[in-house]
């Protein structure tokens, strides 16, 4: 769901997620908890580097 090579760790997706499904991993990259994610697409739309793709 998150392309770690593209993710710049800006936090935009973390701030916009309505259910708190996104956090940062040990590498400072976004990580989406698939069990919490409601697939609203807000994170994908907000990502400035197009690092998030919802299946």
Protein backbone atom coordinates (compact mmCIF):
# COMPACT_ATOMS: atom_id res chain seq x y z
CA UNK A 1 0.00 0.00 0.00
CA UNK A 2 2.88 2.42 0.77
CA UNK A 3 5.84 2.56 -1.57
CA UNK A 4 8.65 3.13 0.94
CA UNK A 5 11.04 4.21 -1.80
CA UNK A 6 8.73 7.11 -2.71
CA UNK A 7 7.56 8.01 0.82
CA UNK A 8 9.34 11.08 2.19
CA UNK A 9 7.89 10.81 5.70
CA UNK A 10 6.12 14.17 5.53
CA UNK A 11 3.20 13.06 7.73
CA UNK A 12 0.42 14.41 5.53
CA UNK A 13 -1.28 11.02 5.36
CA UNK A 14 -0.99 10.52 9.13
CA UNK A 15 -2.67 13.87 9.77
CA UNK A 16 -5.51 13.31 7.30
CA UNK A 17 -6.45 9.70 8.14
CA UNK A 18 -9.88 9.83 9.84
CA UNK A 19 -9.39 6.54 11.71
CA UNK A 20 -5.73 6.78 12.76
CA UNK A 21 -4.68 3.84 10.61
CA UNK A 22 -1.33 5.33 9.57
CA UNK A 23 1.84 5.56 11.61
CA UNK A 24 5.55 5.76 10.90
CA UNK A 25 7.72 2.66 10.85
CA UNK A 26 11.27 2.47 12.22
CA UNK A 27 12.58 3.91 8.94
CA UNK A 28 10.41 7.02 9.21
CA UNK A 29 8.11 5.88 6.41
CA UNK A 30 4.32 5.67 6.50
CA UNK A 31 2.76 2.36 7.42
CA UNK A 32 -0.95 1.63 7.02
CA UNK A 33 -2.66 -0.75 9.45
CA UNK A 34 -4.87 -2.78 7.14
CA UNK A 35 -7.13 -3.77 10.03
CA UNK A 36 -7.95 -0.13 10.85
CA UNK A 37 -8.01 1.27 7.29
CA UNK A 38 -11.50 2.01 5.93
CA UNK A 39 -10.18 2.60 2.41
CA UNK A 40 -11.58 6.13 2.15
CA UNK A 41 -8.72 7.24 -0.10
CA UNK A 42 -7.89 10.43 1.81
CA UNK A 43 -4.27 9.39 2.32
CA UNK A 44 -3.78 8.50 -1.31
CA UNK A 45 -5.26 11.81 -2.45
CA UNK A 46 -3.15 13.82 0.01
CA UNK A 47 0.23 12.22 -0.65
CA UNK A 48 2.47 14.78 -2.39
CA UNK A 49 4.76 12.11 -3.87
CA UNK A 50 2.12 9.55 -4.88
CA UNK A 51 3.55 6.91 -2.54
CA UNK A 52 0.20 5.43 -1.47
CA UNK A 53 -1.91 3.12 -3.61
CA UNK A 54 -5.07 1.50 -2.30
CA UNK A 55 -5.71 -1.84 -3.96
